[in-house]
Amino acid sequence: AALVASSEITKDDDVLEIGPGAGSMTKYLCDAAHHVLSIELDERLIPLLTAFLAERDNFTLVQGDVMTLNLADVTKDLRKPLSVVANIPYYITTPLLTMLLASPIPIQRMALMVQKEVADRMQVGPGTKDYGALSLAVQYYAKPEIVANVPPNCFIPRPNVGSAVIRLDRYAEPPVQTLDEQFMFSVIRASFNQRRKTLVNGLSNAPGLNVSKEKIKEVLARMELSETVRGETLTLEQFAQLADLLRG
C-alpha cells in the first residue's frame, strides 16, 4: 500500500511495474492508474497473473527479463512520462536502478521497495559510510526520499533485513552540469572501487581512465583539494568539476 500511495498515481498516468509476483499490488495499481504494464521474469507466474487480472481491461503483461528487454519497444504504446513501481530483489537493485535512471524512456517518478540499507545509500551525502557511486548516480538523476520503513515481520517468509519504500522524483535537468556524463560516472566508480585509497591512487590505477598521477594532482590543486583526499568526501558538484578538468 505504501508503494502505491507514494507513487501518487492518478488516472492520467501509465505505470511500468517490475516484478508483479502474484499480482497483489498490481490490482491496486490498476485501480489507480490509466494503464499498467507489468514485466514478470518467472514464466510460472504468467498463468496465475493472467487469471487473477483477467477482468482488468487496463492491464498488459509481458514475460521477460527487464534487464534485457527493449524497454522503449515494450512501452511504446504507454502514455509518457511513465511512473515506475517495483519491488526489487537485493541482487539486482544497483544494475536495475542504474539502467532505469540512464534510460532514454521518459520516467517521471519511481516508487521502489528495496533493502533498507540500499535505500539509505541512495539518499546520503559525502562523508558517510553508505555514500558511494549509487548515491551519486541516484542524486544526479532524481530527488530521493524514503517514504516508509517496512520491518521484516511484514513479509512471509520473514527476511533477515528490513526494507524501505523510496520515492525518486526525476529531475527535468540534472542538478550539476558535466561535459560527459559517462566519463564522470567512470571517475565516480573508480573513486569508490577501492574506498581506502586516495583519489590520486584510485583514479591513476583505474583501467580505462588513462589519467596520470601528475594530472590528477594538478587538477586537485586547481580545485583547492589535498593530494590525500578520498572520493567519499567529494560532492556531486565536485565530481562533475573533477571529471571536466581531467578531460580538459
Protein backbone atom coordinates (compact mmCIF):
# COMPACT_ATOMS: atom_id res chain seq x y z
CA ALA A 1 0.00 0.00 0.00
CA ALA A 2 2.84 2.40 0.85
CA LEU A 3 4.40 1.63 -2.51
CA VAL A 4 1.23 2.52 -4.44
CA ALA A 5 0.46 5.58 -2.28
CA SER A 6 3.97 7.01 -2.57
CA SER A 7 3.87 6.77 -6.36
CA GLU A 8 0.96 9.28 -6.38
CA ILE A 9 -0.51 7.64 -9.46
CA THR A 10 -3.68 9.10 -11.00
CA LYS A 11 -5.97 8.06 -13.83
CA ASP A 12 -3.81 10.21 -16.14
CA ASP A 13 -0.75 8.01 -15.50
CA ASP A 14 0.53 4.87 -17.16
CA VAL A 15 2.64 2.62 -14.96
CA LEU A 16 5.51 0.26 -15.60
CA GLU A 17 5.51 -2.37 -12.84
CA ILE A 18 8.59 -4.53 -12.49
CA GLY A 19 8.15 -7.88 -10.76
CA PRO A 20 4.38 -8.15 -10.08
CA GLY A 21 4.79 -11.56 -8.39
CA ALA A 22 1.29 -12.92 -7.71
CA GLY A 23 -0.32 -9.59 -8.64
CA SER A 24 -1.47 -8.43 -5.20
CA MET A 25 -0.07 -4.93 -5.76
CA THR A 26 -0.92 -4.90 -9.46
CA LYS A 27 -4.67 -4.81 -8.77
CA TYR A 28 -4.23 -1.64 -6.68
CA LEU A 29 -2.13 -0.09 -9.44
CA CYS A 30 -4.88 -0.93 -11.96
CA ASP A 31 -7.42 0.79 -9.69
CA ALA A 32 -5.28 3.93 -9.50
CA ALA A 33 -3.78 4.23 -12.98
CA HIS A 34 -4.91 4.70 -16.57
CA HIS A 35 -2.94 1.61 -17.66
CA VAL A 36 -0.46 -0.79 -16.04
CA LEU A 37 2.18 -2.76 -17.91
CA SER A 38 3.83 -5.43 -15.74
CA ILE A 39 7.06 -7.24 -16.57
CA GLU A 40 7.47 -10.64 -14.88
CA LEU A 41 10.57 -12.80 -15.24
CA ASP A 42 9.14 -16.06 -13.82
CA GLU A 43 7.09 -17.76 -16.54
CA ARG A 44 5.41 -19.98 -13.93
CA LEU A 45 3.59 -16.89 -12.61
CA ILE A 46 2.19 -15.86 -16.00
CA PRO A 47 -0.95 -18.10 -15.93
CA LEU A 48 -1.64 -17.05 -12.33
CA LEU A 49 -1.33 -13.34 -13.14
CA THR A 50 -3.38 -13.67 -16.32
CA ALA A 51 -6.22 -15.38 -14.44
CA PHE A 52 -6.04 -13.06 -11.41
CA LEU A 53 -6.22 -9.89 -13.53
CA ALA A 54 -8.43 -11.26 -16.35
CA GLU A 55 -11.22 -8.75 -15.70
CA ARG A 56 -8.92 -5.73 -15.87
CA ASP A 57 -9.02 -4.03 -19.24
CA ASN A 58 -6.22 -1.62 -18.32
CA PHE A 59 -3.56 -4.29 -17.74
CA THR A 60 -0.83 -5.66 -20.02
CA LEU A 61 1.56 -8.45 -19.03
CA VAL A 62 4.98 -9.06 -20.55
CA GLN A 63 7.07 -12.10 -19.66
CA GLY A 64 10.79 -11.44 -19.78
CA ASP A 65 13.90 -10.05 -18.10
CA VAL A 66 13.65 -6.30 -17.61
CA MET A 67 17.45 -6.06 -17.89
CA THR A 68 17.50 -7.43 -21.44
CA LEU A 69 14.13 -6.36 -22.87
CA ASN A 70 13.98 -3.37 -25.20
CA LEU A 71 12.03 -1.11 -22.83
CA ALA A 72 11.46 1.58 -25.46
CA ASP A 73 9.72 -1.00 -27.62
CA VAL A 74 7.82 -2.66 -24.75
CA THR A 75 6.45 0.70 -23.51
CA LYS A 76 5.88 2.35 -26.91
CA ASP A 77 2.07 2.41 -26.53
CA LEU A 78 2.05 3.79 -22.98
CA ARG A 79 1.47 7.42 -22.05
CA LYS A 80 4.68 9.27 -21.23
CA PRO A 81 6.25 10.17 -18.91
CA LEU A 82 5.86 6.89 -17.04
CA SER A 83 5.67 6.08 -13.36
CA VAL A 84 7.71 3.02 -12.34
CA VAL A 85 6.75 0.82 -9.40
CA ALA A 86 8.93 -2.11 -8.38
CA ASN A 87 9.67 -4.48 -5.52
CA ILE A 88 13.32 -5.13 -6.31
CA PRO A 89 15.32 -8.16 -5.17
CA TYR A 90 18.57 -7.18 -3.47
CA TYR A 91 20.95 -8.75 -6.02
CA ILE A 92 19.55 -6.73 -8.94
CA THR A 93 18.93 -3.37 -7.24
CA THR A 94 22.00 -1.44 -8.39
CA PRO A 95 22.15 -2.63 -12.03
CA LEU A 96 18.39 -2.23 -12.49
CA LEU A 97 18.27 1.21 -10.93
CA THR A 98 21.31 2.38 -12.90
CA MET A 99 19.69 1.13 -16.11
CA LEU A 100 16.34 2.82 -15.38
CA LEU A 101 17.90 6.14 -14.35
CA ALA A 102 20.00 6.34 -17.51
CA SER A 103 17.21 5.01 -19.72
CA PRO A 104 16.07 7.12 -22.68
CA ILE A 105 12.45 6.32 -21.71
CA PRO A 106 10.88 9.36 -20.05
CA ILE A 107 10.21 8.40 -16.40
CA GLN A 108 8.64 10.96 -14.08
CA ARG A 109 8.99 9.09 -10.81
CA MET A 110 9.81 5.73 -9.31
CA ALA A 111 8.48 4.11 -6.15
CA LEU A 112 10.70 1.21 -5.15
CA MET A 113 10.69 -1.34 -2.35
CA VAL A 114 14.34 -2.10 -1.64
CA GLN A 115 16.51 -3.35 1.19
CA LYS A 116 16.71 -0.64 3.89
CA GLU A 117 20.48 -0.25 3.64
CA VAL A 118 20.22 0.31 -0.13
CA ALA A 119 17.52 2.97 0.36
CA ASP A 120 19.79 4.69 2.90
CA ARG A 121 22.66 4.57 0.43
CA MET A 122 20.59 6.35 -2.22
CA GLN A 123 19.95 9.46 -0.17
CA VAL A 124 23.09 10.03 1.93
CA GLY A 125 25.71 12.72 1.33
CA PRO A 126 29.52 12.93 1.38
CA GLY A 127 31.49 11.72 4.38
CA THR A 128 29.05 9.00 5.43
CA LYS A 129 29.91 5.29 5.31
CA ASP A 130 27.00 4.49 2.96
CA TYR A 131 27.91 7.23 0.45
CA GLY A 132 29.11 5.84 -2.85
CA ALA A 133 28.61 5.50 -6.59
CA LEU A 134 24.93 4.54 -6.17
CA SER A 135 24.23 7.66 -4.04
CA LEU A 136 25.75 9.88 -6.72
CA ALA A 137 24.01 8.17 -9.65
CA VAL A 138 20.60 8.46 -7.97
CA GLN A 139 21.14 12.08 -6.91
CA TYR A 140 22.32 13.11 -10.39
CA TYR A 141 19.08 11.94 -11.98
CA ALA A 142 16.46 12.23 -9.23
CA LYS A 143 15.45 13.54 -5.81
CA PRO A 144 15.33 10.54 -3.42
CA GLU A 145 13.08 10.32 -0.36
CA ILE A 146 12.44 7.36 1.94
CA VAL A 147 8.66 7.39 2.47
CA ALA A 148 8.20 4.24 4.59
CA ASN A 149 10.24 1.71 6.51
CA VAL A 150 8.98 -1.86 6.28
CA PRO A 151 10.10 -4.25 9.07
CA PRO A 152 10.95 -7.90 8.27
CA ASN A 153 7.81 -9.24 10.01
CA CYS A 154 5.69 -7.74 7.20
CA PHE A 155 6.87 -10.50 4.87
CA ILE A 156 6.34 -14.25 4.60
CA PRO A 157 8.85 -15.86 4.68
CA ARG A 158 10.44 -13.37 7.03
CA PRO A 159 13.71 -11.95 5.63
CA ASN A 160 16.74 -11.19 7.82
CA VAL A 161 16.77 -7.50 6.93
CA GLY A 162 14.35 -4.59 6.86
CA SER A 163 13.08 -2.95 3.70
CA ALA A 164 12.10 0.58 2.77
CA VAL A 165 9.96 2.31 0.18
CA ILE A 166 11.95 5.02 -1.57
CA ARG A 167 10.49 7.52 -3.99
CA LEU A 168 12.65 9.04 -6.73
CA ASP A 169 11.34 12.14 -8.49
CA ARG A 170 13.16 12.52 -11.78
CA TYR A 171 14.82 15.90 -12.43
CA ALA A 172 13.95 17.65 -15.69
CA GLU A 173 17.60 18.76 -15.73
CA PRO A 174 20.45 17.27 -13.62
CA PRO A 175 21.44 19.49 -10.65
CA VAL A 176 25.03 19.73 -11.96
CA GLN A 177 26.43 20.17 -15.45
CA THR A 178 29.20 17.98 -16.89
CA LEU A 179 30.80 17.77 -20.34
CA ASP A 180 30.47 13.98 -20.49
CA GLU A 181 28.13 12.02 -18.20
CA GLN A 182 29.73 8.66 -19.00
CA PHE A 183 33.21 9.91 -18.19
CA MET A 184 32.01 11.49 -14.93
CA PHE A 185 30.46 8.18 -13.82
CA SER A 186 33.66 6.34 -14.79
CA VAL A 187 35.56 8.73 -12.50
CA ILE A 188 32.98 8.21 -9.72
CA ARG A 189 33.13 4.40 -9.97
CA ALA A 190 36.94 4.44 -9.96
CA SER A 191 36.91 6.71 -6.89
CA PHE A 192 34.86 4.19 -4.89
CA ASN A 193 36.27 0.92 -6.25
CA GLN A 194 38.95 0.95 -3.58
CA ARG A 195 37.48 3.06 -0.80
CA ARG A 196 40.58 3.17 1.35
CA LYS A 197 42.76 4.54 -1.42
CA THR A 198 43.31 8.22 -2.02
CA LEU A 199 41.68 9.68 -5.09
CA VAL A 200 45.10 10.01 -6.73
CA ASN A 201 45.82 6.27 -6.38
CA GLY A 202 42.27 5.13 -7.14
CA LEU A 203 42.00 7.13 -10.37
CA SER A 204 45.52 6.53 -11.64
CA ASN A 205 45.12 2.75 -11.19
CA ALA A 206 41.69 2.60 -12.85
CA PRO A 207 41.73 0.70 -16.16
CA GLY A 208 40.23 2.72 -18.97
CA LEU A 209 40.55 6.18 -17.41
CA ASN A 210 44.13 6.72 -18.60
CA VAL A 211 44.95 9.61 -16.27
CA SER A 212 48.37 10.07 -14.72
CA LYS A 213 49.07 10.82 -11.06
CA GLU A 214 50.63 14.13 -12.12
CA LYS A 215 47.47 15.19 -13.97
CA ILE A 216 45.24 14.22 -11.02
CA LYS A 217 47.44 16.10 -8.55
CA GLU A 218 47.41 19.16 -10.82
CA VAL A 219 43.58 19.06 -11.07
CA LEU A 220 43.14 18.60 -7.30
CA ALA A 221 45.39 21.63 -6.72
CA ARG A 222 43.23 23.69 -9.09
CA MET A 223 40.18 22.56 -7.10
CA GLU A 224 41.99 23.51 -3.85
CA LEU A 225 41.78 19.91 -2.62
CA SER A 226 44.52 17.95 -0.83
CA GLU A 227 46.51 15.27 -2.68
CA THR A 228 45.41 12.82 0.04
CA VAL A 229 41.67 13.44 -0.44
CA ARG A 230 39.41 10.39 -0.77
CA GLY A 231 36.41 10.00 -3.07
CA GLU A 232 33.85 9.71 -0.28
CA THR A 233 34.41 13.35 0.75
CA LEU A 234 33.55 14.86 -2.67
CA THR A 235 30.13 16.23 -3.56
CA LEU A 236 28.37 15.53 -6.86
CA GLU A 237 29.30 19.05 -7.98
CA GLN A 238 32.98 18.41 -7.19
CA PHE A 239 32.92 15.12 -9.12
CA ALA A 240 31.48 16.93 -12.15
CA GLN A 241 34.22 19.57 -11.90
CA LEU A 242 36.92 16.93 -11.38
CA ALA A 243 35.79 14.94 -14.43
CA ASP A 244 35.63 18.03 -16.64
CA LEU A 245 39.12 19.16 -15.59
CA LEU A 246 40.57 15.66 -16.12
CA ARG A 247 39.07 15.56 -19.60
CA GLY A 248 40.07 19.09 -20.49
